[in-house]
Amino acid sequence: MQSAKQKKCNRKQDRVKAVLPVRVRGTDADGSAFEELAHTLDLTTTGARLGAIHRNLKVRDTLVVLFRQRRLEFTVIWTRVLAGCEYQVGLQMLSNSSDPWNLNLSQSTPQHAPRLATSGAA
């Protein structure tokens, strides 16, 4: 497993902190299909870090993330267990969308993150 420093060195883009409600669909490590509400912690144009995941996931599994009217497919890159049965997961987007979150992230820097509205359902 890579350290946080190694992950940052391998990252091609800066992360933008953004807490957005999402719905996540996939298959957990036990092979059970699931759908649950979660939220983003930070985003890039090619990936995301999610929190409030309550399923054990495997690296290289595919997840579908529903955000507003968008359906985004990701590969699980890493998982981290937090207290109890809550996980954070790092995701890499499978498609090449220029602005998958429709938030203009390619124009943002961490110091100038976009203002994100969190109203509305996932």
C-alpha atoms as a PDB file:
ATOM      1  CA  MET A   1       0.000   0.000   0.000  1.00  0.00           C
ATOM      2  CA  GLN A   2       1.300   3.452  -0.872  1.00  0.00           C
ATOM      3  CA  SER A   3       1.838   6.163   1.688  1.00  0.00           C
ATOM      4  CA  ALA A   4      -0.052   9.442   1.438  1.00  0.00           C
ATOM      5  CA  LYS A   5       3.118  11.125   0.197  1.00  0.00           C
ATOM      6  CA  GLN A   6       3.523   8.589  -2.610  1.00  0.00           C
ATOM      7  CA  LYS A   7      -0.141   8.977  -3.589  1.00  0.00           C
ATOM      8  CA  LYS A   8       0.270  12.727  -3.865  1.00  0.00           C
ATOM      9  CA  CYS A   9       3.379  12.336  -6.021  1.00  0.00           C
ATOM     10  CA  ASN A  10       1.516   9.998  -8.374  1.00  0.00           C
ATOM     11  CA  ARG A  11      -1.539  12.265  -8.609  1.00  0.00           C
ATOM     12  CA  LYS A  12      -1.719  14.167 -11.893  1.00  0.00           C
ATOM     13  CA  GLN A  13      -4.225  16.757 -10.690  1.00  0.00           C
ATOM     14  CA  ASP A  14      -4.911  18.685  -7.518  1.00  0.00           C
ATOM     15  CA  ARG A  15      -7.946  17.710  -5.520  1.00  0.00           C
ATOM     16  CA  VAL A  16     -10.733  20.223  -4.948  1.00  0.00           C
ATOM     17  CA  LYS A  17     -12.553  19.883  -1.639  1.00  0.00           C
ATOM     18  CA  ALA A  18     -16.238  19.383  -2.346  1.00  0.00           C
ATOM     19  CA  VAL A  19     -18.886  17.712  -0.219  1.00  0.00           C
ATOM     20  CA  LEU A  20     -21.690  16.651  -2.545  1.00  0.00           C
ATOM     21  CA  PRO A  21     -24.458  14.102  -1.979  1.00  0.00           C
ATOM     22  CA  VAL A  22     -24.210  11.071  -4.285  1.00  0.00           C
ATOM     23  CA  ARG A  23     -25.862   7.691  -4.686  1.00  0.00           C
ATOM     24  CA  VAL A  24     -23.456   4.761  -5.111  1.00  0.00           C
ATOM     25  CA  ARG A  25     -24.249   1.414  -6.788  1.00  0.00           C
ATOM     26  CA  GLY A  26     -22.022  -1.607  -7.019  1.00  0.00           C
ATOM     27  CA  THR A  27     -21.097  -4.981  -5.626  1.00  0.00           C
ATOM     28  CA  ASP A  28     -19.352  -5.231  -2.257  1.00  0.00           C
ATOM     29  CA  ALA A  29     -16.448  -7.507  -1.306  1.00  0.00           C
ATOM     30  CA  ASP A  30     -18.920 -10.256  -0.315  1.00  0.00           C
ATOM     31  CA  GLY A  31     -20.493 -10.220  -3.789  1.00  0.00           C
ATOM     32  CA  SER A  32     -23.726  -8.533  -2.689  1.00  0.00           C
ATOM     33  CA  ALA A  33     -25.213  -5.812  -4.885  1.00  0.00           C
ATOM     34  CA  PHE A  34     -25.878  -2.557  -3.036  1.00  0.00           C
ATOM     35  CA  GLU A  35     -27.076   0.989  -3.488  1.00  0.00           C
ATOM     36  CA  GLU A  36     -26.540   3.613  -0.804  1.00  0.00           C
ATOM     37  CA  LEU A  37     -26.238   7.316  -0.198  1.00  0.00           C
ATOM     38  CA  ALA A  38     -22.753   8.706   0.358  1.00  0.00           C
ATOM     39  CA  HIS A  39     -20.917  11.983  -0.241  1.00  0.00           C
ATOM     40  CA  THR A  40     -17.818  13.229  -1.992  1.00  0.00           C
ATOM     41  CA  LEU A  41     -14.936  14.582   0.061  1.00  0.00           C
ATOM     42  CA  ASP A  42     -12.865  15.913  -2.796  1.00  0.00           C
ATOM     43  CA  LEU A  43     -12.863  15.760  -6.584  1.00  0.00           C
ATOM     44  CA  THR A  44     -10.656  15.946  -9.640  1.00  0.00           C
ATOM     45  CA  THR A  45     -11.696  15.873 -13.282  1.00  0.00           C
ATOM     46  CA  THR A  46     -10.759  12.161 -13.364  1.00  0.00           C
ATOM     47  CA  GLY A  47     -11.594  10.894  -9.885  1.00  0.00           C
ATOM     48  CA  ALA A  48     -13.091  11.368  -6.467  1.00  0.00           C
ATOM     49  CA  ARG A  49     -12.728  10.477  -2.817  1.00  0.00           C
ATOM     50  CA  LEU A  50     -15.978   9.323  -1.232  1.00  0.00           C
ATOM     51  CA  GLY A  51     -16.967   9.121   2.415  1.00  0.00           C
ATOM     52  CA  ALA A  52     -19.860   7.503   4.279  1.00  0.00           C
ATOM     53  CA  ILE A  53     -19.506   4.204   2.432  1.00  0.00           C
ATOM     54  CA  HIS A  54     -20.834   1.369   4.614  1.00  0.00           C
ATOM     55  CA  ARG A  55     -19.714  -1.556   2.464  1.00  0.00           C
ATOM     56  CA  ASN A  56     -16.332  -3.219   2.227  1.00  0.00           C
ATOM     57  CA  LEU A  57     -15.168  -2.775  -1.375  1.00  0.00           C
ATOM     58  CA  LYS A  58     -12.311  -4.328  -3.311  1.00  0.00           C
ATOM     59  CA  VAL A  59      -9.674  -2.479  -5.304  1.00  0.00           C
ATOM     60  CA  ARG A  60     -10.400  -2.686  -9.065  1.00  0.00           C
ATOM     61  CA  ASP A  61     -14.161  -3.103  -8.534  1.00  0.00           C
ATOM     62  CA  THR A  62     -16.450  -0.882 -10.608  1.00  0.00           C
ATOM     63  CA  LEU A  63     -18.899   1.529  -8.980  1.00  0.00           C
ATOM     64  CA  VAL A  64     -21.598   3.705 -10.480  1.00  0.00           C
ATOM     65  CA  VAL A  65     -21.950   7.123  -8.871  1.00  0.00           C
ATOM     66  CA  LEU A  66     -25.152   9.048  -9.487  1.00  0.00           C
ATOM     67  CA  PHE A  67     -24.893  12.814  -9.066  1.00  0.00           C
ATOM     68  CA  ARG A  68     -27.773  15.047 -10.100  1.00  0.00           C
ATOM     69  CA  GLN A  69     -28.762  13.696 -13.524  1.00  0.00           C
ATOM     70  CA  ARG A  70     -25.337  12.179 -14.207  1.00  0.00           C
ATOM     71  CA  ARG A  71     -24.295   8.528 -14.126  1.00  0.00           C
ATOM     72  CA  LEU A  72     -20.520   8.218 -13.674  1.00  0.00           C
ATOM     73  CA  GLU A  73     -18.556   4.946 -13.700  1.00  0.00           C
ATOM     74  CA  PHE A  74     -15.439   4.547 -11.572  1.00  0.00           C
ATOM     75  CA  THR A  75     -12.850   1.965 -10.591  1.00  0.00           C
ATOM     76  CA  VAL A  76     -12.008   1.633  -6.902  1.00  0.00           C
ATOM     77  CA  ILE A  77      -8.314   2.556  -6.497  1.00  0.00           C
ATOM     78  CA  TRP A  78      -8.036   2.323  -2.693  1.00  0.00           C
ATOM     79  CA  THR A  79     -10.161   1.882   0.407  1.00  0.00           C
ATOM     80  CA  ARG A  80      -9.651   2.985   4.005  1.00  0.00           C
ATOM     81  CA  VAL A  81     -11.650   1.745   6.963  1.00  0.00           C
ATOM     82  CA  LEU A  82     -12.642   4.372   9.501  1.00  0.00           C
ATOM     83  CA  ALA A  83     -14.375   3.836  12.838  1.00  0.00           C
ATOM     84  CA  GLY A  84     -16.786   0.919  12.842  1.00  0.00           C
ATOM     85  CA  CYS A  85     -17.937  -0.107   9.407  1.00  0.00           C
ATOM     86  CA  GLU A  86     -17.496   3.200   7.593  1.00  0.00           C
ATOM     87  CA  TYR A  87     -15.075   3.490   4.686  1.00  0.00           C
ATOM     88  CA  GLN A  88     -13.510   6.113   2.488  1.00  0.00           C
ATOM     89  CA  VAL A  89     -12.741   5.110  -1.090  1.00  0.00           C
ATOM     90  CA  GLY A  90     -10.576   6.590  -3.819  1.00  0.00           C
ATOM     91  CA  LEU A  91     -12.064   6.347  -7.293  1.00  0.00           C
ATOM     92  CA  GLN A  92     -10.702   6.714 -10.836  1.00  0.00           C
ATOM     93  CA  MET A  93     -13.151   7.577 -13.623  1.00  0.00           C
ATOM     94  CA  LEU A  94     -13.511   5.002 -16.407  1.00  0.00           C
ATOM     95  CA  SER A  95     -14.581   7.414 -19.170  1.00  0.00           C
ATOM     96  CA  ASN A  96     -12.845  10.500 -20.501  1.00  0.00           C
ATOM     97  CA  SER A  97     -15.298  13.266 -19.712  1.00  0.00           C
ATOM     98  CA  SER A  98     -13.914  16.802 -19.712  1.00  0.00           C
ATOM     99  CA  ASP A  99     -16.177  17.959 -16.861  1.00  0.00           C
ATOM    100  CA  PRO A 100     -17.890  14.926 -15.283  1.00  0.00           C
ATOM    101  CA  TRP A 101     -19.172  16.803 -12.237  1.00  0.00           C
ATOM    102  CA  ASN A 102     -20.268  19.859 -14.256  1.00  0.00           C
ATOM    103  CA  LEU A 103     -18.361  22.036 -11.793  1.00  0.00           C
ATOM    104  CA  ASN A 104     -15.601  23.436 -14.028  1.00  0.00           C
ATOM    105  CA  LEU A 105     -12.879  21.712 -11.977  1.00  0.00           C
ATOM    106  CA  SER A 106     -10.239  22.086 -14.680  1.00  0.00           C
ATOM    107  CA  GLN A 107     -10.339  25.846 -14.052  1.00  0.00           C
ATOM    108  CA  SER A 108     -10.122  25.465 -10.256  1.00  0.00           C
ATOM    109  CA  THR A 109      -7.210  25.330  -7.916  1.00  0.00           C
ATOM    110  CA  PRO A 110      -7.406  24.340  -4.242  1.00  0.00           C
ATOM    111  CA  GLN A 111      -7.124  28.007  -3.276  1.00  0.00           C
ATOM    112  CA  HIS A 112      -9.955  28.967  -5.645  1.00  0.00           C
ATOM    113  CA  ALA A 113     -12.341  26.041  -5.347  1.00  0.00           C
ATOM    114  CA  PRO A 114     -15.758  26.525  -6.917  1.00  0.00           C
ATOM    115  CA  ARG A 115     -18.692  27.322  -4.703  1.00  0.00           C
ATOM    116  CA  LEU A 116     -20.757  24.182  -4.616  1.00  0.00           C
ATOM    117  CA  ALA A 117     -24.454  24.065  -3.892  1.00  0.00           C
ATOM    118  CA  THR A 118     -25.346  21.007  -1.853  1.00  0.00           C
ATOM    119  CA  SER A 119     -29.099  21.362  -2.081  1.00  0.00           C
ATOM    120  CA  GLY A 120     -31.072  18.731  -3.935  1.00  0.00           C
ATOM    121  CA  ALA A 121     -31.029  14.958  -3.878  1.00  0.00           C
ATOM    122  CA  ALA A 122     -28.323  12.745  -5.256  1.00  0.00           C
END
